[in-house]
Amino acid sequence: MAEEKQSFETQLAALTEIVNELEQGNVPLETALTKFQEGIKLSRSLEKTLTEAEDTLTKVVNEQGQESLLDEQAASTEE
């Protein structure tokens, strides 16, 4: 993988390509192991990015400047 951080979309495309190659079963064992390890690294990076995005989206500042969960605000607006 490159030194600089790749975008989420680029990483997802790379992971998808790896999964497709491994699912075909035409990859030599050593290559498959290397690609599997690459896929694990990409998967962990993608999961971290998604978790960070989820954390960002679930916190919203309400009118009083206090943080509240997005779910709590949705529940209060439905009442």
Protein backbone atom coordinates (compact mmCIF):
# COMPACT_ATOMS: atom_id res chain seq x y z
CA MET A 1 0.00 0.00 0.00
CA ALA A 2 1.19 3.54 -0.70
CA GLU A 3 2.83 5.71 1.95
CA GLU A 4 0.09 8.34 1.85
CA LYS A 5 -3.39 7.49 3.09
CA GLN A 6 -5.74 6.40 0.34
CA SER A 7 -9.34 7.59 0.21
CA PHE A 8 -12.09 5.42 1.63
CA GLU A 9 -13.42 4.74 -1.86
CA THR A 10 -9.99 3.71 -3.17
CA GLN A 11 -9.47 1.35 -0.24
CA LEU A 12 -12.94 -0.13 -0.67
CA ALA A 13 -12.33 -0.70 -4.39
CA ALA A 14 -9.00 -2.40 -3.63
CA LEU A 15 -10.64 -4.64 -1.02
CA THR A 16 -13.44 -5.54 -3.43
CA GLU A 17 -10.90 -6.46 -6.09
CA ILE A 18 -9.00 -8.67 -3.64
CA VAL A 19 -12.19 -10.42 -2.54
CA ASN A 20 -13.20 -11.04 -6.16
CA GLU A 21 -9.77 -12.48 -7.00
CA LEU A 22 -9.80 -14.77 -3.98
CA GLU A 23 -13.38 -15.92 -4.65
CA GLN A 24 -12.40 -16.99 -8.17
CA GLY A 25 -9.91 -19.43 -6.66
CA ASN A 26 -7.38 -19.05 -9.50
CA VAL A 27 -4.73 -17.43 -7.31
CA PRO A 28 -1.65 -19.42 -6.21
CA LEU A 29 -1.55 -20.12 -2.47
CA GLU A 30 1.32 -17.75 -1.64
CA THR A 31 -0.29 -14.94 -3.61
CA ALA A 32 -3.64 -15.68 -1.98
CA LEU A 33 -2.09 -15.42 1.50
CA THR A 34 -0.45 -12.11 0.63
CA LYS A 35 -3.69 -10.75 -0.82
CA PHE A 36 -5.63 -12.01 2.21
CA GLN A 37 -3.25 -10.13 4.54
CA GLU A 38 -3.62 -7.02 2.37
CA GLY A 39 -7.40 -7.41 2.55
CA ILE A 40 -7.31 -7.67 6.35
CA LYS A 41 -5.28 -4.43 6.57
CA LEU A 42 -7.71 -2.68 4.24
CA SER A 43 -10.70 -4.02 6.14
CA ARG A 44 -9.32 -2.74 9.45
CA SER A 45 -8.56 0.66 7.97
CA LEU A 46 -12.05 0.90 6.45
CA GLU A 47 -13.65 -0.16 9.73
CA LYS A 48 -11.67 2.51 11.60
CA THR A 49 -12.75 5.17 9.10
CA LEU A 50 -16.40 4.11 9.36
CA THR A 51 -16.26 4.10 13.16
CA GLU A 52 -14.77 7.60 13.19
CA ALA A 53 -17.43 8.82 10.76
CA GLU A 54 -20.18 7.23 12.83
CA ASP A 55 -18.84 8.87 16.00
CA THR A 56 -18.81 12.23 14.23
CA LEU A 57 -22.35 11.84 12.92
CA THR A 58 -23.89 10.61 16.16
CA LYS A 59 -22.82 13.68 18.11
CA VAL A 60 -24.71 16.86 17.42
CA VAL A 61 -24.57 20.12 19.28
CA ASN A 62 -28.03 21.19 20.39
CA GLU A 63 -29.21 24.75 21.01
CA GLN A 64 -27.62 24.93 24.49
CA GLY A 65 -24.23 23.85 23.19
CA GLN A 66 -24.47 20.41 24.79
CA GLU A 67 -23.64 17.30 22.85
CA SER A 68 -26.44 14.82 22.37
CA LEU A 69 -26.77 11.63 20.41
CA LEU A 70 -28.50 11.84 17.06
CA ASP A 71 -30.92 9.11 18.22
CA GLU A 72 -31.94 11.20 21.24
CA GLN A 73 -32.67 14.23 19.05
CA ALA A 74 -34.69 12.12 16.62
CA ALA A 75 -36.75 10.73 19.50
CA SER A 76 -37.43 14.20 20.90
CA THR A 77 -38.57 15.54 17.52
CA GLU A 78 -40.98 12.61 17.03
CA GLU A 79 -42.89 13.44 20.23
